[in-house]
């Protein structure tokens, strides 16, 4: 049973969410609270598994409420009418992000992701990525996204770009996937693949997709999609040594 607390300063929004959640037999609503100032005490006392949290609230907004916790031992699903908060919500490791009015199917999908997340912990996800390196599927990488595992060919990855504790995986067909793993995790998985080069603290690039090198203190790498990526000064000579020059 998933123990949940609902925080929203609009009473009608709480009533609607309660109604939707009660249709899901695997959820127990511990309490609903309108005041973001009172929410932390109730969360500490009741210790929910899952927090449904509005973002735009009087007094403390959702992000400010979470900043009161030294550690967050529960998962968070943000609920809001404003989609401009989506990326910020993802960056604080939210389980999901639901736009109001909440769609029952999207809510169910979010609950299923919570259940899957309990089965497949972060450590297991990293382990699964490493297993691909040592198994028969050496040409394939499994990306653990909010929707599940997404399988891609390693040779189709143009570059990885760090975004805090997240990483953007950019493919040569223009697709981009945001994964809740650091760039260091991917560098570890691909450490014996000669195609990938750590050009800078923020980028891991596929050498075959570099179109141009522009000289500088370190320099710039121009990828085939036009992206300019910094080459750090200490990596410059190592990079240049990888190529035969005429």
C-alpha atoms as a PDB file:
ATOM      1  CA  UNK A   1       0.000   0.000   0.000  1.00  0.00           C
ATOM      2  CA  UNK A   2       1.346   3.427  -1.007  1.00  0.00           C
ATOM      3  CA  UNK A   3       0.960   5.914   1.854  1.00  0.00           C
ATOM      4  CA  UNK A   4       0.397   9.397   0.431  1.00  0.00           C
ATOM      5  CA  UNK A   5       0.050  12.977   1.636  1.00  0.00           C
ATOM      6  CA  UNK A   6      -1.561  15.654  -0.533  1.00  0.00           C
ATOM      7  CA  UNK A   7      -0.500  19.319  -0.294  1.00  0.00           C
ATOM      8  CA  UNK A   8      -2.380  21.992  -2.249  1.00  0.00           C
ATOM      9  CA  UNK A   9      -3.679  25.374  -1.127  1.00  0.00           C
ATOM     10  CA  UNK A  10      -6.797  25.023  -3.279  1.00  0.00           C
ATOM     11  CA  UNK A  11      -9.501  22.965  -1.570  1.00  0.00           C
ATOM     12  CA  UNK A  12     -11.198  21.959  -4.816  1.00  0.00           C
ATOM     13  CA  UNK A  13      -7.894  20.637  -6.164  1.00  0.00           C
ATOM     14  CA  UNK A  14      -7.449  18.466  -3.058  1.00  0.00           C
ATOM     15  CA  UNK A  15     -10.972  17.117  -3.356  1.00  0.00           C
ATOM     16  CA  UNK A  16     -10.441  16.253  -7.019  1.00  0.00           C
ATOM     17  CA  UNK A  17      -7.121  14.515  -6.385  1.00  0.00           C
ATOM     18  CA  UNK A  18      -8.547  12.602  -3.415  1.00  0.00           C
ATOM     19  CA  UNK A  19     -11.407  11.406  -5.616  1.00  0.00           C
ATOM     20  CA  UNK A  20      -9.000  10.197  -8.306  1.00  0.00           C
ATOM     21  CA  UNK A  21      -6.674   8.472  -5.846  1.00  0.00           C
ATOM     22  CA  UNK A  22      -9.488   6.635  -4.095  1.00  0.00           C
ATOM     23  CA  UNK A  23     -10.135   4.826  -7.366  1.00  0.00           C
ATOM     24  CA  UNK A  24      -6.698   3.236  -6.974  1.00  0.00           C
ATOM     25  CA  UNK A  25      -6.812   0.494  -4.357  1.00  0.00           C
ATOM     26  CA  UNK A  26      -3.054   0.536  -3.751  1.00  0.00           C
ATOM     27  CA  UNK A  27      -3.055   4.100  -2.330  1.00  0.00           C
ATOM     28  CA  UNK A  28      -3.808   5.140   1.246  1.00  0.00           C
ATOM     29  CA  UNK A  29      -4.299   8.896   1.774  1.00  0.00           C
ATOM     30  CA  UNK A  30      -2.763   9.724   5.156  1.00  0.00           C
ATOM     31  CA  UNK A  31      -3.922  13.329   5.100  1.00  0.00           C
ATOM     32  CA  UNK A  32      -4.586  16.331   2.863  1.00  0.00           C
ATOM     33  CA  UNK A  33      -3.331  19.768   3.825  1.00  0.00           C
ATOM     34  CA  UNK A  34      -3.944  23.228   2.366  1.00  0.00           C
ATOM     35  CA  UNK A  35      -1.308  25.135   4.340  1.00  0.00           C
ATOM     36  CA  UNK A  36       2.247  24.705   3.096  1.00  0.00           C
ATOM     37  CA  UNK A  37       3.407  26.084   6.463  1.00  0.00           C
ATOM     38  CA  UNK A  38       1.777  23.165   8.286  1.00  0.00           C
ATOM     39  CA  UNK A  39       2.808  20.549   5.748  1.00  0.00           C
ATOM     40  CA  UNK A  40       6.338  19.805   6.969  1.00  0.00           C
ATOM     41  CA  UNK A  41       5.230  18.929  10.497  1.00  0.00           C
ATOM     42  CA  UNK A  42       2.593  16.548   9.164  1.00  0.00           C
ATOM     43  CA  UNK A  43       5.038  14.968   6.722  1.00  0.00           C
ATOM     44  CA  UNK A  44       7.597  14.425   9.501  1.00  0.00           C
ATOM     45  CA  UNK A  45       4.930  12.926  11.745  1.00  0.00           C
ATOM     46  CA  UNK A  46       3.157  10.648   9.255  1.00  0.00           C
ATOM     47  CA  UNK A  47       6.176   9.705   7.102  1.00  0.00           C
ATOM     48  CA  UNK A  48       4.501   9.176   3.720  1.00  0.00           C
ATOM     49  CA  UNK A  49       5.905   7.102   0.895  1.00  0.00           C
ATOM     50  CA  UNK A  50       4.650   9.591  -1.668  1.00  0.00           C
ATOM     51  CA  UNK A  51       3.935  13.326  -1.581  1.00  0.00           C
ATOM     52  CA  UNK A  52       1.567  14.952  -4.071  1.00  0.00           C
ATOM     53  CA  UNK A  53       2.698  18.562  -4.016  1.00  0.00           C
ATOM     54  CA  UNK A  54       1.342  21.693  -5.675  1.00  0.00           C
ATOM     55  CA  UNK A  55       4.039  24.140  -6.762  1.00  0.00           C
ATOM     56  CA  UNK A  56       2.388  27.561  -6.846  1.00  0.00           C
ATOM     57  CA  UNK A  57       1.078  28.113  -3.294  1.00  0.00           C
ATOM     58  CA  UNK A  58       0.818  31.038  -0.905  1.00  0.00           C
ATOM     59  CA  UNK A  59       3.405  31.348   1.869  1.00  0.00           C
ATOM     60  CA  UNK A  60       5.769  28.552   0.760  1.00  0.00           C
ATOM     61  CA  UNK A  61       5.710  27.199  -2.773  1.00  0.00           C
ATOM     62  CA  UNK A  62       6.378  23.519  -3.383  1.00  0.00           C
ATOM     63  CA  UNK A  63      10.114  23.928  -3.989  1.00  0.00           C
ATOM     64  CA  UNK A  64      10.528  26.050  -0.850  1.00  0.00           C
ATOM     65  CA  UNK A  65       8.684  23.447   1.210  1.00  0.00           C
ATOM     66  CA  UNK A  66      11.071  20.712   0.064  1.00  0.00           C
ATOM     67  CA  UNK A  67      14.068  22.911   0.883  1.00  0.00           C
ATOM     68  CA  UNK A  68      13.083  22.606   4.555  1.00  0.00           C
ATOM     69  CA  UNK A  69      14.116  18.939   4.520  1.00  0.00           C
ATOM     70  CA  UNK A  70      17.764  17.992   5.005  1.00  0.00           C
ATOM     71  CA  UNK A  71      16.930  14.695   3.326  1.00  0.00           C
ATOM     72  CA  UNK A  72      13.829  13.701   1.384  1.00  0.00           C
ATOM     73  CA  UNK A  73      12.960  10.082   2.289  1.00  0.00           C
ATOM     74  CA  UNK A  74       9.786  10.108   0.182  1.00  0.00           C
ATOM     75  CA  UNK A  75       9.011  10.422  -3.511  1.00  0.00           C
ATOM     76  CA  UNK A  76       7.420  13.580  -4.910  1.00  0.00           C
ATOM     77  CA  UNK A  77       4.811  14.008  -7.622  1.00  0.00           C
ATOM     78  CA  UNK A  78       4.284  17.653  -8.461  1.00  0.00           C
ATOM     79  CA  UNK A  79       0.788  18.814  -9.414  1.00  0.00           C
ATOM     80  CA  UNK A  80       0.397  22.218 -11.035  1.00  0.00           C
ATOM     81  CA  UNK A  81      -1.337  24.164 -13.771  1.00  0.00           C
ATOM     82  CA  UNK A  82       1.952  25.744 -14.892  1.00  0.00           C
ATOM     83  CA  UNK A  83       4.157  23.637 -17.153  1.00  0.00           C
ATOM     84  CA  UNK A  84       7.098  26.083 -17.023  1.00  0.00           C
ATOM     85  CA  UNK A  85       8.124  24.379 -13.775  1.00  0.00           C
ATOM     86  CA  UNK A  86       8.686  21.009 -15.454  1.00  0.00           C
ATOM     87  CA  UNK A  87      12.472  21.088 -15.859  1.00  0.00           C
ATOM     88  CA  UNK A  88      13.049  22.481 -12.361  1.00  0.00           C
ATOM     89  CA  UNK A  89      10.818  19.741 -10.975  1.00  0.00           C
ATOM     90  CA  UNK A  90      12.835  17.084 -12.781  1.00  0.00           C
ATOM     91  CA  UNK A  91      16.111  18.502 -11.528  1.00  0.00           C
ATOM     92  CA  UNK A  92      15.140  17.984  -7.894  1.00  0.00           C
ATOM     93  CA  UNK A  93      14.522  14.325  -8.644  1.00  0.00           C
ATOM     94  CA  UNK A  94      10.747  14.386  -8.680  1.00  0.00           C
ATOM     95  CA  UNK A  95       9.152  11.049  -9.479  1.00  0.00           C
ATOM     96  CA  UNK A  96       6.700  12.738 -11.835  1.00  0.00           C
ATOM     97  CA  UNK A  97       5.016  15.966 -12.843  1.00  0.00           C
ATOM     98  CA  UNK A  98       1.251  16.138 -13.446  1.00  0.00           C
ATOM     99  CA  UNK A  99      -0.490  19.073 -15.075  1.00  0.00           C
ATOM    100  CA  UNK A 100      -3.904  20.130 -13.815  1.00  0.00           C
ATOM    101  CA  UNK A 101      -6.558  19.108 -14.565  1.00  0.00           C
ATOM    102  CA  UNK A 102      -5.035  15.747 -13.736  1.00  0.00           C
ATOM    103  CA  UNK A 103      -5.740  12.979 -16.185  1.00  0.00           C
ATOM    104  CA  UNK A 104      -6.666   9.689 -14.422  1.00  0.00           C
ATOM    105  CA  UNK A 105      -4.520   7.631 -16.804  1.00  0.00           C
ATOM    106  CA  UNK A 106      -1.467   9.849 -16.257  1.00  0.00           C
ATOM    107  CA  UNK A 107      -2.019   9.592 -12.504  1.00  0.00           C
ATOM    108  CA  UNK A 108      -2.122   5.788 -12.743  1.00  0.00           C
ATOM    109  CA  UNK A 109       1.059   5.826 -14.825  1.00  0.00           C
ATOM    110  CA  UNK A 110       2.763   7.935 -12.157  1.00  0.00           C
ATOM    111  CA  UNK A 111       1.728   5.486  -9.439  1.00  0.00           C
ATOM    112  CA  UNK A 112       3.022   2.599 -11.537  1.00  0.00           C
ATOM    113  CA  UNK A 113       6.349   4.413 -11.907  1.00  0.00           C
ATOM    114  CA  UNK A 114       6.518   4.728  -8.129  1.00  0.00           C
ATOM    115  CA  UNK A 115       5.974   0.986  -7.757  1.00  0.00           C
ATOM    116  CA  UNK A 116       8.586   0.227 -10.424  1.00  0.00           C
ATOM    117  CA  UNK A 117      11.007   2.607  -8.721  1.00  0.00           C
ATOM    118  CA  UNK A 118      10.750   0.616  -5.501  1.00  0.00           C
ATOM    119  CA  UNK A 119      11.582  -2.571  -7.387  1.00  0.00           C
ATOM    120  CA  UNK A 120      14.368  -1.084  -9.489  1.00  0.00           C
ATOM    121  CA  UNK A 121      16.506   1.067  -7.180  1.00  0.00           C
ATOM    122  CA  UNK A 122      19.093   3.516  -8.437  1.00  0.00           C
ATOM    123  CA  UNK A 123      21.878   1.077  -7.574  1.00  0.00           C
ATOM    124  CA  UNK A 124      20.162  -1.643  -9.579  1.00  0.00           C
ATOM    125  CA  UNK A 125      19.743   0.685 -12.541  1.00  0.00           C
ATOM    126  CA  UNK A 126      23.478   1.401 -12.581  1.00  0.00           C
ATOM    127  CA  UNK A 127      24.155  -2.313 -12.217  1.00  0.00           C
ATOM    128  CA  UNK A 128      21.918  -3.055 -15.184  1.00  0.00           C
ATOM    129  CA  UNK A 129      23.768  -0.500 -17.277  1.00  0.00           C
ATOM    130  CA  UNK A 130      27.072  -2.097 -16.360  1.00  0.00           C
ATOM    131  CA  UNK A 131      25.728  -5.546 -17.170  1.00  0.00           C
ATOM    132  CA  UNK A 132      25.178  -4.483 -20.750  1.00  0.00           C
ATOM    133  CA  UNK A 133      28.888  -3.744 -21.017  1.00  0.00           C
ATOM    134  CA  UNK A 134      29.778  -7.271 -19.927  1.00  0.00           C
ATOM    135  CA  UNK A 135      27.003  -9.186 -21.668  1.00  0.00           C
ATOM    136  CA  UNK A 136      26.208 -10.128 -25.240  1.00  0.00           C
ATOM    137  CA  UNK A 137      24.361  -6.816 -25.759  1.00  0.00           C
ATOM    138  CA  UNK A 138      27.583  -4.838 -25.955  1.00  0.00           C
ATOM    139  CA  UNK A 139      26.214  -2.589 -28.704  1.00  0.00           C
ATOM    140  CA  UNK A 140      23.142  -1.492 -26.718  1.00  0.00           C
ATOM    141  CA  UNK A 141      22.596   0.838 -23.762  1.00  0.00           C
ATOM    142  CA  UNK A 142      19.504   0.782 -21.539  1.00  0.00           C
ATOM    143  CA  UNK A 143      18.459   4.269 -20.470  1.00  0.00           C
ATOM    144  CA  UNK A 144      16.302   4.350 -17.357  1.00  0.00           C
ATOM    145  CA  UNK A 145      13.832   7.184 -18.031  1.00  0.00           C
ATOM    146  CA  UNK A 146      10.621   8.228 -16.269  1.00  0.00           C
ATOM    147  CA  UNK A 147       8.715   6.028 -18.729  1.00  0.00           C
ATOM    148  CA  UNK A 148      10.829   2.912 -18.277  1.00  0.00           C
ATOM    149  CA  UNK A 149      13.908   1.463 -19.986  1.00  0.00           C
ATOM    150  CA  UNK A 150      14.710   2.892 -23.414  1.00  0.00           C
ATOM    151  CA  UNK A 151      17.129   0.817 -25.523  1.00  0.00           C
ATOM    152  CA  UNK A 152      19.488   2.604 -27.897  1.00  0.00           C
ATOM    153  CA  UNK A 153      22.474   1.616 -29.998  1.00  0.00           C
ATOM    154  CA  UNK A 154      25.655   3.008 -28.482  1.00  0.00           C
ATOM    155  CA  UNK A 155      26.985   3.925 -31.918  1.00  0.00           C
ATOM    156  CA  UNK A 156      23.963   6.234 -32.415  1.00  0.00           C
ATOM    157  CA  UNK A 157      24.812   8.418 -29.401  1.00  0.00           C
ATOM    158  CA  UNK A 158      26.306  11.728 -30.535  1.00  0.00           C
ATOM    159  CA  UNK A 159      27.173  13.036 -27.069  1.00  0.00           C
ATOM    160  CA  UNK A 160      26.211  13.136 -23.398  1.00  0.00           C
ATOM    161  CA  UNK A 161      25.672  16.479 -21.681  1.00  0.00           C
ATOM    162  CA  UNK A 162      25.681  16.871 -17.897  1.00  0.00           C
ATOM    163  CA  UNK A 163      22.847  18.769 -16.200  1.00  0.00           C
ATOM    164  CA  UNK A 164      23.518  18.612 -12.474  1.00  0.00           C
ATOM    165  CA  UNK A 165      22.824  15.049 -11.348  1.00  0.00           C
ATOM    166  CA  UNK A 166      21.003  14.414 -14.645  1.00  0.00           C
ATOM    167  CA  UNK A 167      22.369  13.714 -18.129  1.00  0.00           C
ATOM    168  CA  UNK A 168      20.983  14.580 -21.559  1.00  0.00           C
ATOM    169  CA  UNK A 169      21.666  11.790 -24.061  1.00  0.00           C
ATOM    170  CA  UNK A 170      21.704  13.216 -27.598  1.00  0.00           C
ATOM    171  CA  UNK A 171      21.316  10.829 -30.535  1.00  0.00           C
ATOM    172  CA  UNK A 172      22.381  11.346 -34.153  1.00  0.00           C
ATOM    173  CA  UNK A 173      18.728  11.321 -35.292  1.00  0.00           C
ATOM    174  CA  UNK A 174      17.959  14.413 -33.190  1.00  0.00           C
ATOM    175  CA  UNK A 175      16.335  12.584 -30.266  1.00  0.00           C
ATOM    176  CA  UNK A 176      17.228  13.669 -26.738  1.00  0.00           C
ATOM    177  CA  UNK A 177      16.606  11.747 -23.513  1.00  0.00           C
ATOM    178  CA  UNK A 178      16.929  13.113 -19.970  1.00  0.00           C
ATOM    179  CA  UNK A 179      18.213  10.427 -17.594  1.00  0.00           C
ATOM    180  CA  UNK A 180      18.508  10.683 -13.813  1.00  0.00           C
ATOM    181  CA  UNK A 181      22.126   9.533 -13.797  1.00  0.00           C
ATOM    182  CA  UNK A 182      25.284  11.615 -13.630  1.00  0.00           C
ATOM    183  CA  UNK A 183      27.684  11.888 -16.542  1.00  0.00           C
ATOM    184  CA  UNK A 184      30.220   9.934 -14.479  1.00  0.00           C
ATOM    185  CA  UNK A 185      27.898   6.909 -14.527  1.00  0.00           C
ATOM    186  CA  UNK A 186      27.904   6.864 -18.320  1.00  0.00           C
ATOM    187  CA  UNK A 187      31.654   7.438 -18.488  1.00  0.00           C
ATOM    188  CA  UNK A 188      32.152   4.397 -16.238  1.00  0.00           C
ATOM    189  CA  UNK A 189      29.900   2.225 -18.399  1.00  0.00           C
ATOM    190  CA  UNK A 190      31.669   3.309 -21.607  1.00  0.00           C
ATOM    191  CA  UNK A 191      35.217   3.547 -20.246  1.00  0.00           C
ATOM    192  CA  UNK A 192      36.540   0.856 -22.602  1.00  0.00           C
ATOM    193  CA  UNK A 193      34.763   2.177 -25.698  1.00  0.00           C
ATOM    194  CA  UNK A 194      37.307   4.025 -27.881  1.00  0.00           C
ATOM    195  CA  UNK A 195      34.544   6.047 -29.574  1.00  0.00           C
ATOM    196  CA  UNK A 196      33.805   8.151 -26.476  1.00  0.00           C
ATOM    197  CA  UNK A 197      35.997  10.960 -25.194  1.00  0.00           C
ATOM    198  CA  UNK A 198      35.482  13.146 -22.094  1.00  0.00           C
ATOM    199  CA  UNK A 199      36.127  16.547 -23.645  1.00  0.00           C
ATOM    200  CA  UNK A 200      35.110  18.573 -20.623  1.00  0.00           C
ATOM    201  CA  UNK A 201      33.517  18.070 -17.210  1.00  0.00           C
ATOM    202  CA  UNK A 202      30.100  18.589 -18.851  1.00  0.00           C
ATOM    203  CA  UNK A 203      30.439  16.491 -22.018  1.00  0.00           C
ATOM    204  CA  UNK A 204      31.253  12.980 -23.186  1.00  0.00           C
ATOM    205  CA  UNK A 205      31.396  12.960 -26.985  1.00  0.00           C
ATOM    206  CA  UNK A 206      31.291  10.308 -29.700  1.00  0.00           C
ATOM    207  CA  UNK A 207      34.405  10.990 -31.787  1.00  0.00           C
ATOM    208  CA  UNK A 208      32.824   9.870 -35.042  1.00  0.00           C
ATOM    209  CA  UNK A 209      30.249  12.692 -34.851  1.00  0.00           C
ATOM    210  CA  UNK A 210      32.781  15.517 -34.529  1.00  0.00           C
ATOM    211  CA  UNK A 211      32.716  17.674 -37.659  1.00  0.00           C
ATOM    212  CA  UNK A 212      35.306  20.322 -36.793  1.00  0.00           C
ATOM    213  CA  UNK A 213      37.878  21.333 -34.211  1.00  0.00           C
ATOM    214  CA  UNK A 214      38.372  25.074 -33.668  1.00  0.00           C
ATOM    215  CA  UNK A 215      41.691  26.080 -32.133  1.00  0.00           C
ATOM    216  CA  UNK A 216      41.826  27.935 -28.853  1.00  0.00           C
ATOM    217  CA  UNK A 217      43.325  27.642 -25.366  1.00  0.00           C
ATOM    218  CA  UNK A 218      41.523  24.336 -25.253  1.00  0.00           C
ATOM    219  CA  UNK A 219      39.378  24.730 -28.316  1.00  0.00           C
ATOM    220  CA  UNK A 220      35.885  23.899 -29.483  1.00  0.00           C
ATOM    221  CA  UNK A 221      34.416  20.759 -30.958  1.00  0.00           C
ATOM    222  CA  UNK A 222      31.654  21.265 -33.505  1.00  0.00           C
ATOM    223  CA  UNK A 223      29.371  18.265 -33.644  1.00  0.00           C
ATOM    224  CA  UNK A 224      27.490  17.162 -36.747  1.00  0.00           C
ATOM    225  CA  UNK A 225      24.265  18.683 -35.404  1.00  0.00           C
ATOM    226  CA  UNK A 226      25.991  22.070 -35.069  1.00  0.00           C
ATOM    227  CA  UNK A 227      26.438  21.889 -31.303  1.00  0.00           C
ATOM    228  CA  UNK A 228      29.593  23.629 -30.041  1.00  0.00           C
ATOM    229  CA  UNK A 229      31.270  21.790 -27.176  1.00  0.00           C
ATOM    230  CA  UNK A 230      34.194  23.121 -25.164  1.00  0.00           C
ATOM    231  CA  UNK A 231      37.423  21.127 -25.186  1.00  0.00           C
ATOM    232  CA  UNK A 232      39.225  21.679 -21.893  1.00  0.00           C
ATOM    233  CA  UNK A 233      42.828  22.869 -22.021  1.00  0.00           C
ATOM    234  CA  UNK A 234      44.152  19.803 -20.199  1.00  0.00           C
ATOM    235  CA  UNK A 235      42.370  17.493 -22.664  1.00  0.00           C
ATOM    236  CA  UNK A 236      43.540  19.276 -25.810  1.00  0.00           C
ATOM    237  CA  UNK A 237      46.695  17.300 -26.558  1.00  0.00           C
ATOM    238  CA  UNK A 238      45.094  13.973 -25.665  1.00  0.00           C
ATOM    239  CA  UNK A 239      42.306  14.745 -28.125  1.00  0.00           C
ATOM    240  CA  UNK A 240      44.630  15.831 -30.946  1.00  0.00           C
ATOM    241  CA  UNK A 241      46.735  12.689 -30.508  1.00  0.00           C
ATOM    242  CA  UNK A 242      43.709  10.574 -31.415  1.00  0.00           C
ATOM    243  CA  UNK A 243      43.805  11.682 -35.058  1.00  0.00           C
ATOM    244  CA  UNK A 244      46.187  11.499 -37.947  1.00  0.00           C
ATOM    245  CA  UNK A 245      46.751  14.989 -39.331  1.00  0.00           C
ATOM    246  CA  UNK A 246      47.831  16.035 -42.828  1.00  0.00           C
END
